Amino acid sequence: MKRAIAAAAAVVVGSAALVACGSQDDEGEQAKKLFGYQVLSELRTTNAGTLEGASDLSQQLSVRLYPGVYVPGPSGQMIPNTDLVTTRVLPGDQRKVVYTLSDSAVFSDGTPVTCSDYLLTFTAGQYPGLFGSRMPLFDDTEDLSCTTGSKEFTLTFKENRGARWRRLFEAGTVLPAHAVANKLGKSVDDLDADLLSDDFSRLSPIAEVWKNGFSLEHFDPDLQVSFGPFQISEVGESGEVTLVANEYYYGVAPQTGEMVVWPGRADSAELAEAEALRIGDLREPDPAWHDVNAEGNRLDVDTQVGELTEALTFPEVGMWAVPENRQAFAKCVDPRAVAKASSDHAGVDVPVAPLHVLQHSDPLAERVASVVESHLDVDIDAASALSGSEIRIGYPYPSARFAAMVDSIRRSCEPAGISVIDVTEGGKTLADLPRAEYDEWGNETWTEGAADAILHAEDPMREYPAANNRAQDLAALRAQEGYLWEELPSIPLAAQPRTFAVDGAVRNVVPYTGLAGIGWNMDRWQLSTDISAEK
């Protein structure tokens, strides 16, 4: 780890002379020059639209590589990203939204951002089984018109659908279509024709690149060009990602031109000691390495209840795709006990969050709550319909808090004869669930999967096509919540707690507990002291 810190620090400093110095003192000095940001995720991919990205909160990194049409604000509001695009809703019974991209919007290789990039995302959302995507709101969409090279396109929705359209094309989901085309050895015109073909034999090669090409384990700089304020310069041996300013960025340049993003598995204590941790979205709620009473603390560590919901998501094929089986299992799951187990480890009171369609903190949540109250009580007799069955539960990264939540489920389901097994090991994502896959001829096959359910954080506003969170739509929200508790694509359990570490010397840090995390405005962060002069 120390070698990785030193190497990343050397990149930030950009000094070959420092790299050549091999003493431990020099390594420590290099590490001090590193502006480091640690995230919760494993940093598996920059594609937040994939099954891995959606369950691993990959937006924490990709939010300022592939910005969304709307940017999450610090209070959860959706702010139009007018530097990139403007939107206009056309009048009429069927919702249509016209998107006009800025003429200045280009990728880090100088290629213009066009409708083809959005057509790629739209197609991935339309074919989740083929692309391995997790962008549920695209189920509301019907068509995207795109002329290759155009800065304008129109998205058409199914009748009476699309209330949550502002959550489409969000951070980390719009990727460089021209780079994907280059990887496949074809023109963007040909790529667009393939995307519009509905032909699995033509879509399959595209899906393969879209699904796997943005992996950080096998980083491909030609593919991973960005259109945000940052671009990736390299991925280190410990999974750390070095970001540098994108010289082609059409907005305001980042306040900090270079930084390193560390995966959650990195040793936070070692990073903090080396002063390589400036901002952290930490896995540990009360890290042993941080003494809150120590004088001159550089870092302020604070845990708070976040806006996301930690839910248990089921597969779409196999035994646990059957609503009756899900309902029986849900009867032995005690959300109140699960929330308490999370609270005990987080050190804050984590509330039950039983709604699919609304965030637990939404003012309308109390007015929908009566729909789900009966589902919060354990009914062992009803759950015993599954006596003798086994369910394997995993979560994205090893965590004592997640383990305690799963153990709570194990204890409450044991009397019903249901065996709950934690299969997390090094981490499991939604890609580890049994799922249907499609070959180039459109034939469906099932994968067995290494887990039967995944415990992870999700945003109800982008996870379920539903009415908007407005009082006028309360009746629809209640009906939709009732339907989702019948189908049970997931069991929403409790609010997600978040622990942030913030260096007091860094300006413009605004904690945010949504998908993008505290790094939602990382391009505005600025160290207020000259750390290169520190001794």
Protein backbone atom coordinates (compact mmCIF):
# COMPACT_ATOMS: atom_id res chain seq x y z
CA MET A 1 0.00 0.00 0.00
CA LYS A 2 2.81 2.44 0.88
CA ARG A 3 4.40 1.86 -2.52
CA ALA A 4 1.01 2.47 -4.18
CA ILE A 5 0.52 5.70 -2.26
CA ALA A 6 3.99 6.88 -3.18
CA ALA A 7 3.49 6.01 -6.83
CA ALA A 8 0.17 7.83 -7.02
CA ALA A 9 1.68 10.79 -5.20
CA ALA A 10 4.49 10.92 -7.72
CA VAL A 11 1.97 11.10 -10.55
CA VAL A 12 0.23 14.02 -8.87
CA VAL A 13 3.47 15.84 -8.24
CA GLY A 14 4.68 15.03 -11.75
CA SER A 15 8.31 14.95 -10.71
CA ALA A 16 10.62 12.28 -12.07
CA ALA A 17 13.22 13.31 -9.53
CA LEU A 18 10.92 12.50 -6.65
CA VAL A 19 10.08 9.13 -8.17
CA ALA A 20 13.75 8.32 -8.36
CA CYS A 21 14.25 8.92 -4.63
CA GLY A 22 13.70 5.64 -2.86
CA SER A 23 13.97 6.44 0.85
CA GLN A 24 10.99 6.09 3.18
CA ASP A 25 11.26 9.78 4.06
CA ASP A 26 10.94 10.71 0.40
CA GLU A 27 7.97 8.39 0.01
CA GLY A 28 6.28 10.09 2.94
CA GLU A 29 6.89 13.52 1.45
CA GLN A 30 5.46 12.36 -1.88
CA ALA A 31 2.37 10.99 -0.15
CA LYS A 32 1.79 14.34 1.56
CA LYS A 33 1.57 16.00 -1.84
CA LEU A 34 -1.26 13.69 -2.86
CA PHE A 35 -4.85 14.97 -2.82
CA GLY A 36 -6.76 11.77 -2.06
CA TYR A 37 -10.48 10.98 -2.05
CA GLN A 38 -11.62 7.59 -0.76
CA VAL A 39 -15.00 6.21 -1.81
CA LEU A 40 -17.22 3.40 -0.56
CA SER A 41 -17.11 1.46 -3.77
CA GLU A 42 -14.64 -1.12 -5.06
CA LEU A 43 -14.08 1.00 -8.19
CA ARG A 44 -15.01 -1.89 -10.47
CA THR A 45 -16.20 0.20 -13.41
CA THR A 46 -16.92 3.76 -14.51
CA ASN A 47 -20.16 2.60 -16.22
CA ALA A 48 -22.87 3.27 -13.65
CA GLY A 49 -25.48 1.75 -15.94
CA THR A 50 -24.19 -1.80 -15.58
CA LEU A 51 -25.26 -4.30 -12.94
CA GLU A 52 -21.86 -3.93 -11.26
CA GLY A 53 -21.89 -0.15 -11.43
CA ALA A 54 -25.44 0.17 -10.14
CA SER A 55 -24.74 -1.95 -7.07
CA ASP A 56 -21.26 -0.53 -6.40
CA LEU A 57 -22.16 3.19 -6.37
CA SER A 58 -19.78 3.80 -9.26
CA GLN A 59 -21.29 7.28 -9.63
CA GLN A 60 -18.94 8.34 -6.84
CA LEU A 61 -16.15 8.28 -9.41
CA SER A 62 -17.95 8.74 -12.72
CA VAL A 63 -20.11 11.71 -11.68
CA ARG A 64 -17.44 14.14 -12.96
CA LEU A 65 -16.25 11.95 -15.85
CA TYR A 66 -19.64 11.41 -17.51
CA PRO A 67 -21.95 14.11 -16.10
CA GLY A 68 -25.69 13.66 -16.12
CA VAL A 69 -28.31 15.77 -17.85
CA TYR A 70 -29.36 16.75 -14.34
CA VAL A 71 -26.83 17.11 -11.54
CA PRO A 72 -27.71 16.06 -7.98
CA GLY A 73 -27.63 18.99 -5.59
CA PRO A 74 -26.58 18.85 -1.92
CA SER A 75 -30.21 18.71 -0.78
CA GLY A 76 -31.25 16.05 -3.27
CA GLN A 77 -32.66 18.50 -5.83
CA MET A 78 -32.08 17.89 -9.53
CA ILE A 79 -30.15 20.81 -11.05
CA PRO A 80 -30.19 21.20 -14.87
CA ASN A 81 -26.68 20.75 -16.28
CA THR A 82 -26.99 23.63 -18.71
CA ASP A 83 -23.25 23.63 -19.48
CA LEU A 84 -23.93 20.33 -21.25
CA VAL A 85 -27.54 20.27 -22.42
CA THR A 86 -30.91 21.97 -22.30
CA THR A 87 -34.24 20.15 -22.35
CA ARG A 88 -37.70 21.04 -23.60
CA VAL A 89 -40.91 19.07 -23.06
CA LEU A 90 -43.20 19.15 -26.10
CA PRO A 91 -46.93 19.69 -25.59
CA GLY A 92 -49.23 16.76 -26.26
CA ASP A 93 -50.76 13.65 -24.70
CA GLN A 94 -47.64 11.52 -25.20
CA ARG A 95 -44.58 12.85 -23.38
CA LYS A 96 -41.72 13.89 -25.66
CA VAL A 97 -38.55 15.61 -24.49
CA VAL A 98 -36.17 17.43 -26.83
CA TYR A 99 -32.51 17.49 -25.72
CA THR A 100 -30.16 20.10 -27.21
CA LEU A 101 -26.48 19.57 -26.48
CA SER A 102 -24.07 22.47 -26.17
CA ASP A 103 -21.94 23.12 -29.26
CA SER A 104 -18.97 23.33 -26.89
CA ALA A 105 -19.52 19.91 -25.33
CA VAL A 106 -16.69 17.60 -26.41
CA PHE A 107 -14.87 14.56 -25.07
CA SER A 108 -11.33 14.61 -23.70
CA ASP A 109 -10.04 13.52 -27.14
CA GLY A 110 -11.72 16.52 -28.80
CA THR A 111 -14.64 14.57 -30.32
CA PRO A 112 -18.03 16.33 -30.00
CA VAL A 113 -20.67 14.93 -27.66
CA THR A 114 -23.65 14.05 -29.89
CA CYS A 115 -26.95 12.23 -29.85
CA SER A 116 -25.14 8.96 -30.67
CA ASP A 117 -23.81 8.85 -27.10
CA TYR A 118 -27.37 9.05 -25.78
CA LEU A 119 -28.65 6.55 -28.32
CA LEU A 120 -26.09 4.07 -26.97
CA THR A 121 -27.38 4.58 -23.42
CA PHE A 122 -31.01 4.35 -24.56
CA THR A 123 -30.37 1.06 -26.36
CA ALA A 124 -28.55 -0.41 -23.36
CA GLY A 125 -31.55 0.51 -21.22
CA GLN A 126 -33.95 -1.05 -23.71
CA TYR A 127 -32.08 -4.39 -23.74
CA PRO A 128 -31.02 -5.05 -20.12
CA GLY A 129 -30.60 -8.80 -20.64
CA LEU A 130 -28.26 -8.32 -23.59
CA PHE A 131 -26.28 -5.36 -22.24
CA GLY A 132 -26.25 -6.39 -18.58
CA SER A 133 -27.68 -2.98 -17.75
CA ARG A 134 -29.50 -1.66 -14.69
CA MET A 135 -31.34 1.49 -15.76
CA PRO A 136 -34.98 0.66 -14.92
CA LEU A 137 -36.50 4.00 -15.90
CA PHE A 138 -35.83 3.24 -19.56
CA ASP A 139 -38.79 0.88 -19.32
CA ASP A 140 -40.86 4.08 -19.62
CA THR A 141 -39.30 5.00 -22.96
CA GLU A 142 -40.40 4.11 -26.46
CA ASP A 143 -38.08 5.77 -28.99
CA LEU A 144 -35.05 8.03 -29.38
CA SER A 145 -34.60 9.89 -32.66
CA CYS A 146 -30.98 10.49 -33.62
CA THR A 147 -29.26 11.69 -36.76
CA THR A 148 -25.55 10.85 -36.57
CA GLY A 149 -23.50 13.89 -35.59
CA SER A 150 -26.52 15.86 -34.40
CA LYS A 151 -26.50 17.92 -31.22
CA GLU A 152 -30.25 17.45 -30.83
CA PHE A 153 -32.47 14.42 -30.24
CA THR A 154 -35.98 13.64 -29.06
CA LEU A 155 -36.91 11.02 -26.49
CA THR A 156 -40.46 9.65 -26.74
CA PHE A 157 -42.16 7.86 -23.85
CA LYS A 158 -44.83 5.21 -23.68
CA GLU A 159 -48.35 6.49 -23.18
CA ASN A 160 -48.91 7.93 -19.69
CA ARG A 161 -45.31 7.14 -18.72
CA GLY A 162 -42.10 9.03 -18.06
CA ALA A 163 -42.92 11.05 -14.95
CA ARG A 164 -39.35 10.62 -13.72
CA TRP A 165 -37.67 11.51 -17.01
CA ARG A 166 -35.22 13.89 -15.33
CA ARG A 167 -33.52 10.84 -13.79
CA LEU A 168 -32.61 9.44 -17.20
CA PHE A 169 -29.12 9.90 -18.67
CA GLU A 170 -27.75 10.43 -15.20
CA ALA A 171 -24.15 10.49 -14.03
CA GLY A 172 -21.99 7.66 -15.32
CA THR A 173 -24.46 6.27 -17.85
CA VAL A 174 -23.73 8.28 -21.03
CA LEU A 175 -20.53 6.92 -22.56
CA PRO A 176 -18.47 7.75 -25.69
CA ALA A 177 -20.21 6.11 -28.65
CA HIS A 178 -17.36 7.07 -31.00
CA ALA A 179 -14.84 5.27 -28.77
CA VAL A 180 -17.05 2.17 -28.70
CA ALA A 181 -17.32 2.34 -32.50
CA ASN A 182 -13.53 2.64 -32.80
CA LYS A 183 -13.08 -0.38 -30.56
CA LEU A 184 -15.34 -2.35 -32.90
CA GLY A 185 -13.58 -1.05 -36.01
CA LYS A 186 -16.60 0.76 -37.41
CA SER A 187 -17.87 4.29 -38.01
CA VAL A 188 -20.33 6.06 -35.73
CA ASP A 189 -22.84 5.98 -38.61
CA ASP A 190 -22.60 2.19 -38.68
CA LEU A 191 -22.82 2.02 -34.88
CA ASP A 192 -26.01 4.10 -34.91
CA ALA A 193 -27.50 1.87 -37.60
CA ASP A 194 -26.72 -1.17 -35.48
CA LEU A 195 -28.24 0.44 -32.37
CA LEU A 196 -31.45 1.18 -34.28
CA SER A 197 -31.64 -2.26 -35.90
CA ASP A 198 -33.19 -4.33 -33.07
CA ASP A 199 -30.97 -7.10 -34.47
CA PHE A 200 -29.29 -9.10 -31.69
CA SER A 201 -26.46 -10.21 -33.97
CA ARG A 202 -25.56 -6.56 -34.58
CA LEU A 203 -26.17 -5.43 -31.00
CA SER A 204 -24.22 -8.20 -29.25
CA PRO A 205 -20.69 -6.91 -30.05
CA ILE A 206 -21.72 -3.42 -28.91
CA ALA A 207 -23.20 -4.83 -25.71
CA GLU A 208 -19.97 -6.66 -24.95
CA VAL A 209 -17.89 -3.49 -25.17
CA TRP A 210 -20.47 -1.41 -23.26
CA LYS A 211 -20.74 -3.98 -20.47
CA ASN A 212 -17.07 -4.88 -20.00
CA GLY A 213 -14.99 -2.21 -21.73
CA PHE A 214 -15.27 0.33 -18.92
CA SER A 215 -13.84 -2.00 -16.31
CA LEU A 216 -11.12 -0.38 -14.23
CA GLU A 217 -9.29 -3.66 -13.69
CA HIS A 218 -8.48 -3.62 -17.41
CA PHE A 219 -8.39 0.13 -17.96
CA ASP A 220 -8.47 1.14 -21.63
CA PRO A 221 -7.55 4.84 -22.05
CA ASP A 222 -8.67 4.88 -25.70
CA LEU A 223 -12.16 3.79 -24.67
CA GLN A 224 -12.51 5.72 -21.42
CA VAL A 225 -12.47 9.27 -22.74
CA SER A 226 -14.61 11.63 -20.66
CA PHE A 227 -16.70 14.74 -21.19
CA GLY A 228 -16.59 15.96 -17.59
CA PRO A 229 -14.11 18.21 -15.81
CA PHE A 230 -11.84 15.23 -15.08
CA GLN A 231 -10.41 12.35 -17.08
CA ILE A 232 -8.58 9.23 -15.90
CA SER A 233 -4.84 9.26 -16.45
CA GLU A 234 -4.11 5.85 -14.93
CA VAL A 235 -5.26 3.08 -12.59
CA GLY A 236 -2.73 1.98 -9.96
CA GLU A 237 -1.80 -1.42 -8.62
CA SER A 238 -4.05 -1.00 -5.57
CA GLY A 239 -7.07 -0.02 -7.66
CA GLU A 240 -6.58 3.71 -7.10
CA VAL A 241 -7.67 5.95 -9.96
CA THR A 242 -5.67 9.08 -10.82
CA LEU A 243 -7.79 11.91 -12.20
CA VAL A 244 -6.43 14.90 -14.09
CA ALA A 245 -8.17 17.96 -15.46
CA ASN A 246 -9.80 17.47 -18.86
CA GLU A 247 -8.25 20.18 -21.03
CA TYR A 248 -11.18 19.97 -23.45
CA TYR A 249 -13.79 20.55 -20.75
CA TYR A 250 -16.33 23.14 -21.85
CA GLY A 251 -17.20 24.32 -18.31
CA VAL A 252 -15.16 25.82 -15.48
CA ALA A 253 -11.86 24.01 -14.94
CA PRO A 254 -11.42 21.99 -11.71
CA GLN A 255 -10.05 23.86 -8.70
CA THR A 256 -7.76 20.90 -8.01
CA GLY A 257 -6.19 19.77 -11.25
CA GLU A 258 -5.08 16.31 -10.11
CA MET A 259 -6.33 13.90 -7.46
CA VAL A 260 -6.40 10.22 -6.68
CA VAL A 261 -9.61 8.32 -5.93
CA TRP A 262 -9.04 5.35 -3.62
CA PRO A 263 -11.34 2.31 -3.44
CA GLY A 264 -13.08 1.61 -0.15
CA ARG A 265 -10.88 -1.42 0.48
CA ALA A 266 -7.75 0.74 0.73
CA ASP A 267 -6.31 1.13 4.24
CA SER A 268 -7.90 4.37 5.45
CA ALA A 269 -5.60 4.56 8.49
CA GLU A 270 -2.51 4.38 6.31
CA LEU A 271 -3.88 6.94 3.89
CA ALA A 272 -4.79 9.29 6.75
CA GLU A 273 -1.39 8.92 8.37
CA ALA A 274 0.34 9.75 5.09
CA GLU A 275 -1.98 12.76 4.67
CA ALA A 276 -3.12 11.09 1.46
CA LEU A 277 -6.73 11.12 2.66
CA ARG A 278 -8.27 14.56 2.24
CA ILE A 279 -11.90 13.55 1.67
CA GLY A 280 -13.47 10.21 2.51
CA ASP A 281 -16.82 8.45 2.09
CA LEU A 282 -15.83 5.79 4.60
CA ARG A 283 -17.00 2.24 5.24
CA GLU A 284 -16.14 2.46 8.95
CA PRO A 285 -18.57 4.61 10.97
CA ASP A 286 -16.18 5.01 13.90
CA PRO A 287 -12.68 4.38 12.56
CA ALA A 288 -10.19 3.25 15.20
CA TRP A 289 -7.49 5.40 13.61
CA HIS A 290 -9.40 8.64 14.29
CA ASP A 291 -9.28 10.10 17.80
CA VAL A 292 -12.07 12.66 18.01
CA ASN A 293 -10.53 14.18 21.14
CA ALA A 294 -7.03 14.64 19.73
CA GLU A 295 -5.82 18.21 19.47
CA GLY A 296 -5.27 19.60 15.99
CA ASN A 297 -7.31 16.99 14.19
CA ARG A 298 -6.83 17.46 10.47
CA LEU A 299 -9.89 15.39 9.60
CA ASP A 300 -13.44 15.81 10.83
CA VAL A 301 -15.31 12.47 10.77
CA ASP A 302 -19.10 12.51 10.91
CA THR A 303 -21.78 9.84 10.44
CA GLN A 304 -25.27 10.74 9.29
CA VAL A 305 -28.40 9.06 8.00
CA GLY A 306 -28.35 9.17 4.21
CA GLU A 307 -31.14 9.45 1.66
CA LEU A 308 -30.59 6.09 -0.07
CA THR A 309 -32.43 2.90 0.86
CA GLU A 310 -30.61 -0.35 1.58
CA ALA A 311 -32.71 -3.04 -0.02
CA LEU A 312 -32.57 -6.75 -0.73
CA THR A 313 -32.88 -7.19 -4.50
CA PHE A 314 -34.03 -10.48 -6.07
CA PRO A 315 -33.19 -11.94 -9.50
CA GLU A 316 -35.55 -11.92 -12.46
CA VAL A 317 -35.21 -15.65 -13.14
CA GLY A 318 -35.23 -18.79 -11.02
CA MET A 319 -36.92 -19.66 -7.75
CA TRP A 320 -36.60 -16.16 -6.31
CA ALA A 321 -38.20 -14.58 -9.37
CA VAL A 322 -41.56 -16.04 -8.29
CA PRO A 323 -43.56 -13.35 -6.41
CA GLU A 324 -45.16 -15.91 -4.09
CA ASN A 325 -41.72 -17.12 -2.97
CA ARG A 326 -40.54 -13.59 -2.42
CA GLN A 327 -43.64 -12.78 -0.40
CA ALA A 328 -43.23 -15.84 1.80
CA PHE A 329 -39.58 -14.99 2.46
CA ALA A 330 -40.48 -11.35 3.22
CA LYS A 331 -42.77 -12.61 5.99
CA CYS A 332 -39.78 -13.70 8.05
CA VAL A 333 -37.68 -10.60 7.36
CA ASP A 334 -38.00 -8.05 10.16
CA PRO A 335 -37.07 -4.60 8.76
CA ARG A 336 -37.14 -3.07 12.23
CA ALA A 337 -34.57 -5.57 13.51
CA VAL A 338 -32.46 -5.09 10.38
CA ALA A 339 -32.51 -1.31 10.89
CA LYS A 340 -31.48 -1.78 14.52
CA ALA A 341 -28.58 -4.02 13.52
CA SER A 342 -27.43 -1.32 11.11
CA SER A 343 -27.90 1.38 13.75
CA ASP A 344 -25.83 -0.51 16.31
CA HIS A 345 -22.86 -0.59 13.95
CA ALA A 346 -23.32 2.89 12.46
CA GLY A 347 -23.67 4.69 15.78
CA VAL A 348 -26.68 6.66 14.52
CA ASP A 349 -30.37 5.84 14.58
CA VAL A 350 -31.02 4.33 11.16
CA PRO A 351 -34.77 4.36 10.39
CA VAL A 352 -36.75 1.66 8.65
CA ALA A 353 -37.21 2.62 4.98
CA PRO A 354 -39.96 0.32 3.63
CA LEU A 355 -40.95 2.23 0.47
CA HIS A 356 -40.04 1.31 -3.09
CA VAL A 357 -41.24 4.49 -4.81
CA LEU A 358 -40.04 7.24 -2.44
CA GLN A 359 -36.98 8.06 -0.44
CA HIS A 360 -37.59 7.61 3.28
CA SER A 361 -36.98 11.33 3.91
CA ASP A 362 -39.47 12.51 1.29
CA PRO A 363 -42.29 14.58 2.86
CA LEU A 364 -44.81 12.33 1.09
CA ALA A 365 -43.38 9.15 2.63
CA GLU A 366 -45.60 9.38 5.71
CA ARG A 367 -48.68 9.58 3.49
CA VAL A 368 -47.71 6.38 1.67
CA ALA A 369 -46.52 4.51 4.77
CA SER A 370 -49.93 3.03 5.64
CA VAL A 371 -49.77 0.97 2.44
CA VAL A 372 -46.78 -0.98 3.76
CA GLU A 373 -47.36 -1.14 7.52
CA SER A 374 -48.72 -4.67 7.41
CA HIS A 375 -45.59 -5.85 5.60
CA LEU A 376 -43.31 -4.86 8.46
CA ASP A 377 -44.60 -7.55 10.83
CA VAL A 378 -43.08 -11.02 10.93
CA ASP A 379 -45.44 -13.92 10.18
CA ILE A 380 -43.59 -17.20 10.70
CA ASP A 381 -46.57 -19.31 9.68
CA ALA A 382 -46.76 -17.60 6.29
CA ALA A 383 -42.98 -17.79 5.84
CA SER A 384 -43.04 -21.51 6.66
CA ALA A 385 -44.43 -22.16 3.18
CA LEU A 386 -40.73 -22.04 2.19
CA SER A 387 -39.52 -24.30 4.99
CA GLY A 388 -36.46 -26.25 3.91
CA SER A 389 -35.35 -23.65 1.35
CA GLU A 390 -32.08 -21.74 1.26
CA ILE A 391 -31.33 -18.19 0.21
CA ARG A 392 -27.80 -16.90 -0.44
CA ILE A 393 -27.32 -13.19 0.30
CA GLY A 394 -24.36 -11.07 -0.76
CA TYR A 395 -23.39 -7.39 -0.68
CA PRO A 396 -20.91 -5.31 -2.72
CA TYR A 397 -17.98 -5.31 -0.28
CA PRO A 398 -17.06 -6.93 3.05
CA SER A 399 -18.73 -4.99 5.86
CA ALA A 400 -19.39 -5.78 9.51
CA ARG A 401 -22.54 -3.67 9.34
CA PHE A 402 -23.91 -5.46 6.28
CA ALA A 403 -22.99 -8.79 7.89
CA ALA A 404 -24.99 -7.86 10.99
CA MET A 405 -28.00 -6.95 8.83
CA VAL A 406 -27.88 -10.32 7.06
CA ASP A 407 -27.42 -12.09 10.39
CA SER A 408 -30.56 -10.37 11.66
CA ILE A 409 -32.44 -11.81 8.67
CA ARG A 410 -30.93 -15.23 9.35
CA ARG A 411 -32.13 -15.22 12.96
CA SER A 412 -35.67 -14.07 12.16
CA CYS A 413 -36.08 -16.59 9.31
CA GLU A 414 -34.61 -19.58 11.14
CA PRO A 415 -37.89 -20.41 12.95
CA ALA A 416 -39.61 -20.66 9.54
CA GLY A 417 -37.11 -23.27 8.39
CA ILE A 418 -35.45 -20.95 5.87
CA SER A 419 -31.66 -21.01 5.78
CA VAL A 420 -30.05 -17.62 5.14
CA ILE A 421 -26.40 -17.85 4.06
CA ASP A 422 -24.00 -14.93 3.71
CA VAL A 423 -22.01 -15.56 0.51
CA THR A 424 -20.37 -12.13 0.20
CA GLU A 425 -16.71 -13.15 0.57
CA GLY A 426 -14.81 -10.46 -1.39
CA GLY A 427 -18.01 -8.80 -2.60
CA LYS A 428 -21.07 -9.59 -4.72
CA THR A 429 -23.05 -7.38 -7.07
CA LEU A 430 -26.30 -7.64 -9.00
CA ALA A 431 -24.28 -9.33 -11.76
CA ASP A 432 -23.89 -12.31 -9.39
CA LEU A 433 -27.64 -12.99 -9.33
CA PRO A 434 -29.18 -15.64 -11.60
CA ARG A 435 -30.19 -13.83 -14.77
CA ALA A 436 -31.31 -14.29 -18.33
CA GLU A 437 -28.70 -13.63 -21.00
CA TYR A 438 -29.09 -13.50 -24.77
CA ASP A 439 -26.81 -14.65 -27.54
CA GLU A 440 -26.39 -13.00 -30.94
CA TRP A 441 -29.44 -14.83 -32.27
CA GLY A 442 -31.65 -13.66 -29.42
CA ASN A 443 -31.77 -17.03 -27.68
CA GLU A 444 -32.25 -16.83 -23.92
CA THR A 445 -30.06 -18.74 -21.47
CA TRP A 446 -29.97 -18.63 -17.68
CA THR A 447 -26.90 -18.21 -15.52
CA GLU A 448 -27.01 -19.87 -12.12
CA GLY A 449 -25.57 -16.95 -10.17
CA ALA A 450 -23.42 -16.95 -7.03
CA ALA A 451 -26.12 -15.31 -4.87
CA ASP A 452 -29.91 -15.31 -4.63
CA ALA A 453 -30.33 -11.76 -3.35
CA ILE A 454 -28.09 -8.70 -3.09
CA LEU A 455 -28.17 -6.23 -0.21
CA HIS A 456 -27.20 -2.83 -1.57
CA ALA A 457 -28.04 0.87 -1.53
CA GLU A 458 -30.45 2.21 -4.13
CA ASP A 459 -32.29 5.43 -4.94
CA PRO A 460 -36.03 4.75 -5.15
CA MET A 461 -36.44 7.71 -7.51
CA ARG A 462 -34.36 6.02 -10.23
CA GLU A 463 -35.02 2.38 -9.41
CA TYR A 464 -38.75 2.06 -10.13
CA PRO A 465 -40.76 3.64 -12.96
CA ALA A 466 -43.51 5.43 -11.05
CA ALA A 467 -45.34 8.71 -10.60
CA ASN A 468 -43.40 11.76 -9.55
CA ASN A 469 -43.06 12.65 -5.89
CA ARG A 470 -45.79 15.27 -5.89
CA ALA A 471 -48.87 15.59 -3.69
CA GLN A 472 -51.04 15.60 -6.84
CA ASP A 473 -49.79 12.08 -7.59
CA LEU A 474 -50.28 10.66 -4.09
CA ALA A 475 -53.02 8.22 -5.13
CA ALA A 476 -50.86 6.85 -7.94
CA LEU A 477 -47.84 6.53 -5.63
CA ARG A 478 -49.88 4.58 -3.09
CA ALA A 479 -51.22 2.26 -5.77
CA GLN A 480 -47.77 1.72 -7.24
CA GLU A 481 -46.29 0.99 -3.80
CA GLY A 482 -49.01 -1.57 -3.16
CA TYR A 483 -48.27 -3.23 -6.51
CA LEU A 484 -44.53 -3.38 -5.82
CA TRP A 485 -45.12 -5.06 -2.46
CA GLU A 486 -47.08 -7.71 -4.35
CA GLU A 487 -44.38 -8.22 -6.98
CA LEU A 488 -41.46 -7.60 -4.58
CA PRO A 489 -38.57 -7.02 -7.00
CA SER A 490 -36.80 -6.04 -3.79
CA ILE A 491 -37.47 -5.70 -0.07
CA PRO A 492 -36.66 -2.13 1.02
CA LEU A 493 -35.24 -2.33 4.53
CA ALA A 494 -33.51 0.66 6.06
CA ALA A 495 -31.89 4.00 5.32
CA GLN A 496 -28.21 3.92 4.44
CA PRO A 497 -25.87 5.56 6.98
CA ARG A 498 -22.89 7.47 5.56
CA THR A 499 -19.63 8.44 7.25
CA PHE A 500 -17.66 11.34 5.82
CA ALA A 501 -14.10 12.40 6.60
CA VAL A 502 -13.28 15.96 5.57
CA ASP A 503 -9.95 17.72 5.82
CA GLY A 504 -10.56 21.15 7.34
CA ALA A 505 -8.14 22.67 4.84
CA VAL A 506 -10.28 21.75 1.84
CA ARG A 507 -12.74 24.36 0.64
CA ASN A 508 -16.11 23.89 -1.09
CA VAL A 509 -16.87 20.42 0.30
CA VAL A 510 -20.62 19.85 0.62
CA PRO A 511 -21.58 16.42 2.03
CA TYR A 512 -24.22 14.63 -0.02
CA THR A 513 -25.62 11.17 0.68
CA GLY A 514 -27.12 10.32 -2.72
CA LEU A 515 -25.63 8.03 -5.35
CA ALA A 516 -22.79 10.39 -6.27
CA GLY A 517 -21.80 10.88 -2.64
CA ILE A 518 -19.71 13.73 -1.30
CA GLY A 519 -17.82 13.87 -4.60
CA TRP A 520 -20.80 15.30 -6.48
CA ASN A 521 -18.84 18.58 -6.84
CA MET A 522 -15.26 17.30 -6.53
CA ASP A 523 -14.14 19.67 -9.30
CA ARG A 524 -14.83 22.56 -6.89
CA TRP A 525 -12.63 21.18 -4.09
CA GLN A 526 -9.56 23.25 -3.29
CA LEU A 527 -6.89 22.83 -0.66
CA SER A 528 -6.55 26.17 1.12
CA THR A 529 -2.95 25.63 2.26
CA ASP A 530 0.20 25.05 0.26
CA ILE A 531 0.83 21.42 1.24
CA SER A 532 3.97 21.29 -0.87
CA ALA A 533 5.59 23.52 1.76
CA GLU A 534 4.68 21.24 4.67
CA LYS A 535 7.52 19.63 6.62
